[in-house]
Protein backbone atom coordinates (compact mmCIF):
# COMPACT_ATOMS: atom_id res chain seq x y z
CA UNK A 1 -3.25 93.46 -96.36
CA UNK A 2 -5.04 96.36 -95.93
CA UNK A 3 -2.74 99.05 -97.62
CA UNK A 4 -2.85 102.94 -96.39
CA UNK A 5 -1.21 106.04 -97.61
CA UNK A 6 -0.56 108.83 -95.17
CA UNK A 7 -0.09 112.00 -96.42
CA UNK A 8 1.80 113.45 -94.21
CA UNK A 9 5.11 116.65 -94.42
CA UNK A 10 6.27 116.58 -90.89
CA UNK A 11 8.54 113.48 -90.22
CA UNK A 12 7.61 113.42 -86.69
CA UNK A 13 4.12 112.05 -87.73
CA UNK A 14 4.52 110.10 -90.44
CA UNK A 15 6.77 108.41 -87.98
CA UNK A 16 4.63 108.06 -85.05
CA UNK A 17 1.98 106.98 -87.47
CA UNK A 18 3.49 105.00 -89.22
CA UNK A 19 4.16 103.17 -86.05
CA UNK A 20 0.89 102.79 -85.01
CA UNK A 21 -0.78 101.33 -87.86
CA UNK A 22 2.93 98.86 -88.64
CA UNK A 23 1.78 98.08 -85.15
CA UNK A 24 -1.62 96.62 -86.33
CA UNK A 25 0.11 95.02 -89.66
CA UNK A 26 -0.79 97.39 -91.77
CA UNK A 27 1.18 97.73 -95.45
CA UNK A 28 1.22 101.20 -95.63
CA UNK A 29 2.31 104.08 -98.68
CA UNK A 30 3.48 107.42 -98.23
CA UNK A 31 3.18 110.92 -99.57
CA UNK A 32 4.67 114.11 -98.44
CA UNK A 33 3.36 117.14 -100.50
CA UNK A 34 0.14 116.42 -101.64
CA UNK A 35 0.42 116.48 -105.53
CA UNK A 36 2.87 112.86 -104.64
CA UNK A 37 -0.45 112.32 -102.11
CA UNK A 38 -2.22 112.05 -105.38
CA UNK A 39 -0.09 110.10 -107.35
CA UNK A 40 0.14 107.68 -105.31
CA UNK A 41 -3.49 107.07 -104.92
CA UNK A 42 -3.66 106.95 -108.35
CA UNK A 43 -1.36 104.50 -108.68
CA UNK A 44 -0.96 102.91 -106.25
CA UNK A 45 -4.87 102.59 -105.24
CA UNK A 46 -4.65 101.95 -101.21
CA UNK A 47 -7.68 101.18 -98.55
CA UNK A 48 -7.31 104.10 -96.84
CA UNK A 49 -5.93 107.60 -97.21
CA UNK A 50 -4.57 109.46 -93.89
CA UNK A 51 -4.22 113.34 -95.05
CA UNK A 52 -2.93 115.99 -93.36
CA UNK A 53 -4.80 119.74 -93.63
CA UNK A 54 -1.41 121.30 -94.04
CA UNK A 55 1.29 120.33 -97.12
CA UNK A 56 3.91 122.03 -99.02
CA UNK A 57 2.51 122.44 -102.27
CA UNK A 58 -0.81 121.84 -102.56
CA UNK A 59 -3.27 121.60 -99.11
CA UNK A 60 -4.80 117.96 -97.54
CA UNK A 61 -8.48 119.52 -98.30
CA UNK A 62 -6.72 120.38 -102.39
CA UNK A 63 -5.34 116.86 -102.73
CA UNK A 64 -8.93 115.60 -101.77
CA UNK A 65 -11.13 116.91 -104.23
CA UNK A 66 -7.84 116.21 -107.12
CA UNK A 67 -7.58 112.42 -105.16
CA UNK A 68 -11.83 111.83 -105.62
CA UNK A 69 -11.92 113.81 -109.12
CA UNK A 70 -9.25 110.43 -110.55
CA UNK A 71 -10.70 107.70 -111.12
CA UNK A 72 -9.72 105.36 -107.86
CA UNK A 73 -10.24 108.24 -105.85
CA UNK A 74 -14.58 108.02 -105.67
CA UNK A 75 -14.76 105.58 -103.06
CA UNK A 76 -11.69 105.38 -101.04
CA UNK A 77 -11.96 107.01 -97.45
CA UNK A 78 -9.88 109.68 -96.75
CA UNK A 79 -9.40 110.86 -92.93
CA UNK A 80 -7.90 113.92 -92.51
CA UNK A 81 -5.51 114.48 -89.54
CA UNK A 82 -5.35 118.40 -88.21
CA UNK A 83 -4.19 119.91 -85.80
CA UNK A 84 -6.72 122.73 -87.30
CA UNK A 85 -8.85 122.79 -84.16
CA UNK A 86 -10.55 126.12 -84.74
CA UNK A 87 -14.80 125.62 -85.40
CA UNK A 88 -16.21 124.74 -89.07
CA UNK A 89 -12.31 123.29 -89.69
CA UNK A 90 -14.54 119.95 -89.59
CA UNK A 91 -16.80 121.37 -91.59
CA UNK A 92 -14.30 122.09 -94.46
CA UNK A 93 -12.93 118.99 -94.17
CA UNK A 94 -16.08 116.54 -95.24
CA UNK A 95 -16.83 119.64 -97.91
CA UNK A 96 -13.61 118.81 -99.31
CA UNK A 97 -14.65 115.20 -99.57
CA UNK A 98 -13.08 113.00 -96.68
CA UNK A 99 -15.04 111.13 -94.90
CA UNK A 100 -13.28 111.51 -91.11
CA UNK A 101 -11.58 114.20 -89.33
CA UNK A 102 -9.80 112.65 -86.26
CA UNK A 103 -7.83 116.49 -84.36
CA UNK A 104 -4.06 116.30 -83.76
CA UNK A 105 -2.09 115.27 -81.31
CA UNK A 106 -2.79 111.65 -82.86
CA UNK A 107 -4.40 109.32 -79.83
CA UNK A 108 -3.34 105.88 -81.40
CA UNK A 109 -6.88 104.50 -79.79
CA UNK A 110 -8.63 107.58 -81.87
CA UNK A 111 -6.98 106.61 -85.25
CA UNK A 112 -7.27 103.13 -84.77
CA UNK A 113 -10.96 103.17 -83.81
CA UNK A 114 -11.78 105.91 -87.06
CA UNK A 115 -10.39 103.69 -89.67
CA UNK A 116 -11.54 100.66 -88.83
CA UNK A 117 -14.64 103.01 -88.44
CA UNK A 118 -14.58 103.27 -92.89
CA UNK A 119 -12.43 100.23 -93.16
CA UNK A 120 -15.82 98.12 -91.88
């Protein structure tokens, strides 16, 4: 079963993403803070990470950099989920190590297309 780590502090967003992914048969791992996301990426070995950018503690950019620096994080697809939609935000997420970028609010079709793109 494909395992997806959701790093998202907003309970409603986490619920929506979880609802969509469970309906598609994914096994989910959840983290609320960036630090927890780094830890779970290292211990749970997800196949893909959905990364909120605005997190308590370290933000999604730093969380992504730390996951990428870990032994297990080099090849995990990390998709940024953000309500940031300003010029340059996509580039900033990609520069931090994200492999994809999806704007909130989440569209179920868009998020699933992006996930399938990186899982093959």
